[in-house]
Amino acid sequence: MGCAQTGFDSRQPDKIMTDIQKNKIVELAKGLIGKPYKYGAKPEEAPDFFDCSSFIQYIFKEAGIELPRSTILQAEKGEAVELKDIQPGDLLFLHGTQGFYNRNFPQGIGHVILHIGGGRTIHAASRRVQENPVVIEEGAVEENDLQTIIQKAGPLVTVKRN
């Protein structure tokens, strides 16, 4: 599982979301289950196509929270929390099949998932079916068990609360 990476000015201050925003994000995510995955999906292609980071960016924006476009820059936002303290609306960042690296995350981050409560997650999932001459991935927004997706797309790098 991988996500396209694009630039973003990540210097805006972090704010913790309200319970109303958390509920809206979870409900929006549930309503998008089954939407097709597209590697490198652009914001203007939503809500028709998503990759993992554009999915997260879209649902948060619809709830009034601006996030960067790429997984690694999204991981720089918010407050770090322990996995044992996870709440609905928290984001889990995983290495995935290929990580993107920076000084804050030298271990690499390549995938982001939304925790919706009850040990469940929603994310734009994919599997790579071609590398060359162009990357082709197929998949969709889907709901999964938290531990299963960590095992499949991990290792877990960080958990963030926006």
Protein backbone atom coordinates (compact mmCIF):
# COMPACT_ATOMS: atom_id res chain seq x y z
CA MET A 1 0.00 0.00 0.00
CA GLY A 2 1.41 3.32 -0.97
CA CYS A 3 0.29 6.86 -1.45
CA ALA A 4 1.50 9.54 -3.78
CA GLN A 5 3.43 12.32 -2.06
CA THR A 6 3.14 16.02 -2.85
CA GLY A 7 4.42 19.20 -1.21
CA PHE A 8 2.55 21.30 1.37
CA ASP A 9 3.43 24.09 3.77
CA SER A 10 3.02 22.30 7.10
CA ARG A 11 3.69 25.33 9.32
CA GLN A 12 0.05 26.06 10.17
CA PRO A 13 -0.72 25.59 13.89
CA ASP A 14 -2.24 22.29 15.03
CA LYS A 15 -5.71 22.30 16.62
CA ILE A 16 -7.51 19.42 18.29
CA MET A 17 -10.84 18.60 16.62
CA THR A 18 -14.21 18.71 18.38
CA ASP A 19 -16.43 15.69 19.07
CA ILE A 20 -18.82 17.00 16.40
CA GLN A 21 -15.97 17.03 13.86
CA LYS A 22 -14.85 13.52 14.91
CA ASN A 23 -18.37 12.19 14.41
CA LYS A 24 -18.68 13.92 11.04
CA ILE A 25 -15.33 12.49 9.87
CA VAL A 26 -16.33 8.94 10.87
CA GLU A 27 -19.75 9.25 9.20
CA LEU A 28 -18.23 10.73 6.03
CA ALA A 29 -15.67 7.92 5.91
CA LYS A 30 -18.37 5.26 6.30
CA GLY A 31 -20.34 6.84 3.47
CA LEU A 32 -17.35 6.57 1.13
CA ILE A 33 -16.74 2.83 1.58
CA GLY A 34 -16.48 1.25 -1.86
CA LYS A 35 -15.21 4.38 -3.65
CA PRO A 36 -12.39 3.39 -6.02
CA TYR A 37 -8.69 3.79 -5.27
CA LYS A 38 -6.51 5.75 -7.69
CA TYR A 39 -2.78 6.13 -7.10
CA GLY A 40 -1.93 9.82 -6.85
CA ALA A 41 -5.61 10.90 -6.86
CA LYS A 42 -5.85 14.67 -6.92
CA PRO A 43 -8.08 16.63 -4.49
CA GLU A 44 -10.36 17.69 -7.35
CA GLU A 45 -11.05 14.00 -8.15
CA ALA A 46 -12.70 13.51 -4.75
CA PRO A 47 -15.14 12.07 -3.90
CA ASP A 48 -14.93 9.90 -7.03
CA PHE A 49 -11.37 8.58 -6.51
CA PHE A 50 -8.95 8.46 -3.57
CA ASP A 51 -5.53 7.32 -2.53
CA CYS A 52 -4.93 6.95 1.20
CA SER A 53 -3.81 10.50 1.91
CA SER A 54 -6.33 12.21 -0.39
CA PHE A 55 -9.09 10.23 1.36
CA ILE A 56 -7.96 11.53 4.77
CA GLN A 57 -7.49 15.06 3.45
CA TYR A 58 -10.99 15.03 1.93
CA ILE A 59 -12.92 13.78 4.97
CA PHE A 60 -11.08 16.14 7.32
CA LYS A 61 -11.63 19.11 4.99
CA GLU A 62 -15.35 18.30 4.82
CA ALA A 63 -15.36 18.52 8.64
CA GLY A 64 -13.56 21.88 8.56
CA ILE A 65 -10.01 20.69 9.24
CA GLU A 66 -7.23 21.41 6.74
CA LEU A 67 -4.55 18.73 6.37
CA PRO A 68 -1.64 18.46 3.95
CA ARG A 69 -1.98 16.24 0.88
CA SER A 70 0.76 13.69 1.61
CA THR A 71 0.91 11.04 4.31
CA ILE A 72 4.27 12.09 5.69
CA LEU A 73 3.18 15.72 6.01
CA GLN A 74 -0.15 14.67 7.54
CA ALA A 75 1.88 12.73 10.12
CA GLU A 76 3.58 15.96 11.17
CA LYS A 77 0.22 17.43 12.19
CA GLY A 78 -1.65 16.83 15.42
CA GLU A 79 -0.72 15.43 18.78
CA ALA A 80 1.02 12.05 19.13
CA VAL A 81 -0.95 9.49 21.14
CA GLU A 82 -0.26 5.93 22.24
CA LEU A 83 -2.05 3.13 20.39
CA LYS A 84 -3.67 2.04 23.67
CA ASP A 85 -5.28 5.52 23.97
CA ILE A 86 -6.68 5.65 20.42
CA GLN A 87 -10.04 7.32 19.82
CA PRO A 88 -12.38 7.61 16.82
CA GLY A 89 -10.95 10.19 14.41
CA ASP A 90 -7.32 9.41 15.23
CA LEU A 91 -4.97 8.70 12.33
CA LEU A 92 -2.54 5.79 12.21
CA PHE A 93 0.52 6.15 10.03
CA LEU A 94 2.22 3.01 8.80
CA HIS A 95 5.29 2.25 6.77
CA GLY A 96 3.23 0.45 4.11
CA THR A 97 4.88 -1.24 1.14
CA GLN A 98 7.12 1.76 0.59
CA GLY A 99 7.78 4.56 2.99
CA PHE A 100 8.53 8.18 2.25
CA TYR A 101 11.19 9.61 4.53
CA ASN A 102 12.07 12.90 6.20
CA ARG A 103 14.00 13.94 9.30
CA ASN A 104 10.91 13.62 11.52
CA PHE A 105 10.13 10.10 10.27
CA PRO A 106 13.42 8.48 9.22
CA GLN A 107 11.73 5.04 9.36
CA GLY A 108 9.37 6.15 6.57
CA ILE A 109 5.62 6.54 6.24
CA GLY A 110 3.66 5.20 3.28
CA HIS A 111 0.08 4.68 4.43
CA VAL A 112 -2.53 6.37 6.63
CA ILE A 113 -5.73 4.93 8.11
CA LEU A 114 -8.60 6.40 10.13
CA HIS A 115 -9.66 4.80 13.42
CA ILE A 116 -13.47 4.81 13.68
CA GLY A 117 -13.85 3.17 17.10
CA GLY A 118 -14.49 -0.37 18.27
CA GLY A 119 -11.16 -1.59 16.92
CA ARG A 120 -12.21 -0.72 13.35
CA THR A 121 -10.57 1.43 10.67
CA ILE A 122 -11.42 2.92 7.29
CA HIS A 123 -8.82 3.66 4.64
CA ALA A 124 -8.27 3.83 0.91
CA ALA A 125 -6.66 0.44 0.37
CA SER A 126 -4.74 -0.72 -2.67
CA ARG A 127 -2.58 -3.40 -4.09
CA ARG A 128 0.04 -2.76 -6.72
CA VAL A 129 -0.56 -4.65 -9.96
CA GLN A 130 2.13 -2.99 -12.10
CA GLU A 131 5.38 -1.07 -11.46
CA ASN A 132 6.66 -0.23 -14.93
CA PRO A 133 6.32 1.66 -17.17
CA VAL A 134 3.80 3.30 -14.79
CA VAL A 135 2.57 2.44 -11.30
CA ILE A 136 -0.88 0.87 -11.36
CA GLU A 137 -2.69 0.11 -8.14
CA GLU A 138 -6.26 -1.04 -7.65
CA GLY A 139 -8.49 -1.03 -4.62
CA ALA A 140 -11.17 0.94 -2.81
CA VAL A 141 -12.09 2.65 0.42
CA GLU A 142 -12.71 -0.16 2.89
CA GLU A 143 -13.35 -0.92 6.54
CA ASN A 144 -10.96 -3.26 8.35
CA ASP A 145 -10.09 -4.56 11.79
CA LEU A 146 -7.39 -2.36 13.39
CA GLN A 147 -4.96 -5.16 14.26
CA THR A 148 -5.38 -6.86 10.89
CA ILE A 149 -4.52 -3.70 8.96
CA ILE A 150 -1.52 -2.94 11.19
CA GLN A 151 -0.21 -6.45 10.49
CA LYS A 152 -0.89 -6.12 6.76
CA ALA A 153 0.36 -2.56 6.13
CA GLY A 154 2.65 -2.03 9.11
CA PRO A 155 4.76 -1.50 10.93
CA LEU A 156 2.95 1.26 12.80
CA VAL A 157 5.05 4.45 12.83
CA THR A 158 2.90 6.92 14.78
CA VAL A 159 -0.67 7.69 15.88
CA LYS A 160 -1.90 11.29 15.68
CA ARG A 161 -4.90 13.12 17.04
CA ASN A 162 -5.92 16.25 15.16
